[in-house]
Protein backbone atom coordinates (compact mmCIF):
# COMPACT_ATOMS: atom_id res chain seq x y z
CA PHE A 1 -14.10 7.57 -1.88
CA VAL A 2 -11.73 7.62 1.05
CA VAL A 3 -12.90 5.61 4.06
CA GLY A 4 -10.10 6.41 6.47
CA ALA A 5 -7.05 8.52 7.07
CA ALA A 6 -4.15 8.33 9.48
CA ALA A 7 -1.03 10.13 10.59
CA LEU A 8 2.09 8.09 11.20
CA LYS A 9 5.40 8.77 12.89
CA LEU A 10 7.98 6.82 10.91
CA PRO A 11 11.65 6.19 11.55
CA VAL A 12 14.16 7.95 9.33
CA VAL A 13 14.41 5.98 6.09
CA ALA A 14 16.68 6.16 3.08
CA ASN A 15 14.17 6.83 0.32
CA THR A 16 10.57 7.59 -0.57
CA ALA A 17 9.90 4.08 -1.91
CA THR A 18 10.57 2.66 1.55
CA VAL A 19 8.26 5.22 3.16
CA LYS A 20 5.50 4.49 0.66
CA ALA A 21 5.88 0.74 1.19
CA ILE A 22 5.60 1.18 4.98
CA VAL A 23 2.53 3.37 4.49
CA ALA A 24 0.97 0.70 2.26
CA VAL A 25 1.43 -1.90 5.02
CA LYS A 26 -0.13 0.45 7.59
CA ALA A 27 -3.07 1.14 5.26
CA ILE A 28 -3.67 -2.58 4.77
CA GLU A 29 -3.41 -3.24 8.52
CA THR A 30 -5.87 -0.43 9.24
CA THR A 31 -8.32 -1.78 6.66
CA ILE A 32 -8.11 -5.24 8.23
CA ASP A 33 -8.69 -3.71 11.68
CA MET A 34 -11.77 -1.92 10.32
CA GLY A 35 -13.22 -5.29 9.31
CA PHE A 36 -13.43 -4.86 5.55
CA SER A 37 -13.34 -7.97 3.38
CA TYR A 38 -13.85 -6.51 -0.12
CA VAL A 39 -11.37 -3.72 -0.80
CA ILE A 40 -9.77 -1.61 -3.50
CA PHE A 41 -6.40 -0.02 -2.81
CA GLU A 42 -5.35 2.80 -5.09
CA GLY A 43 -2.06 4.60 -5.08
CA ASP A 44 0.12 6.83 -7.20
CA ALA A 45 3.42 5.12 -6.35
CA ARG A 46 3.81 2.89 -9.38
CA VAL A 47 6.67 0.81 -7.93
CA ILE A 48 4.63 0.04 -4.80
CA MET A 49 1.37 -0.77 -6.56
CA LYS A 50 3.20 -2.92 -9.13
CA GLY A 51 5.15 -4.61 -6.34
CA LEU A 52 1.93 -5.53 -4.53
CA ILE A 53 0.60 -7.46 -7.52
CA SER A 54 3.85 -8.79 -8.98
CA LYS A 55 4.86 -12.40 -8.55
CA GLU A 56 8.32 -11.78 -10.02
CA ASP A 57 11.42 -11.88 -7.86
CA ASP A 58 12.78 -8.47 -7.03
CA PHE A 59 15.87 -7.72 -5.01
CA SER A 60 15.19 -4.12 -4.02
CA GLU A 61 15.32 -3.04 -0.39
CA ILE A 62 11.53 -2.76 -0.15
CA VAL A 63 10.90 -6.43 -0.94
CA PRO A 64 10.56 -7.50 2.72
CA ILE A 65 8.02 -4.73 3.31
CA LEU A 66 6.07 -5.61 0.16
CA ASP A 67 6.14 -9.30 1.13
CA LYS A 68 4.52 -8.37 4.45
CA ALA A 69 1.90 -6.33 2.58
CA LYS A 70 1.19 -9.22 0.19
CA SER A 71 0.78 -11.58 3.12
CA LEU A 72 -1.72 -9.20 4.73
CA LEU A 73 -3.65 -8.83 1.47
CA GLN A 74 -4.44 -12.55 1.58
CA GLN A 75 -6.75 -11.87 4.54
CA PHE A 76 -9.31 -10.15 2.29
CA ASP A 77 -12.04 -12.07 0.49
CA LYS A 78 -11.55 -9.84 -2.55
CA CYS A 79 -8.88 -7.24 -3.14
CA HIS A 80 -7.98 -5.04 -6.11
CA ILE A 81 -4.78 -3.05 -6.42
CA ASN A 82 -4.95 -0.08 -8.79
CA TYR A 83 -2.30 2.37 -9.87
CA THR A 84 -3.60 5.88 -10.44
CA ARG A 85 -1.67 8.89 -11.67
CA GLN A 86 -1.03 11.58 -9.09
CA GLU A 87 -3.55 13.87 -10.82
CA GLY A 88 -6.23 11.22 -10.24
CA ASN A 89 -5.30 10.75 -6.60
CA LYS A 90 -6.15 14.23 -5.32
CA ALA A 91 -7.56 12.94 -2.03
CA ALA A 92 -4.09 11.80 -0.97
CA HIS A 93 -2.48 15.13 -1.80
CA GLU A 94 -4.97 17.65 -0.38
């Protein structure tokens, strides 16, 4: 189930991957602010979800944003990152 929702005003960015990476950071920050320690993050942006769990070096432009997200994820006692197909992520698209 969805615990929270937010609306963000973002700067103009070059591509959707950058937007989704920024949104992932904001979601993690919001979850930390809400005081959760055991969390599951699900998303339908495969490159973002994979980037959050990958330990491989990547040289894409979203790496600094994903590195910030990974650093924030370390604040949770337990955290799962799950990729879900867009059809399975209806809450995010309604």
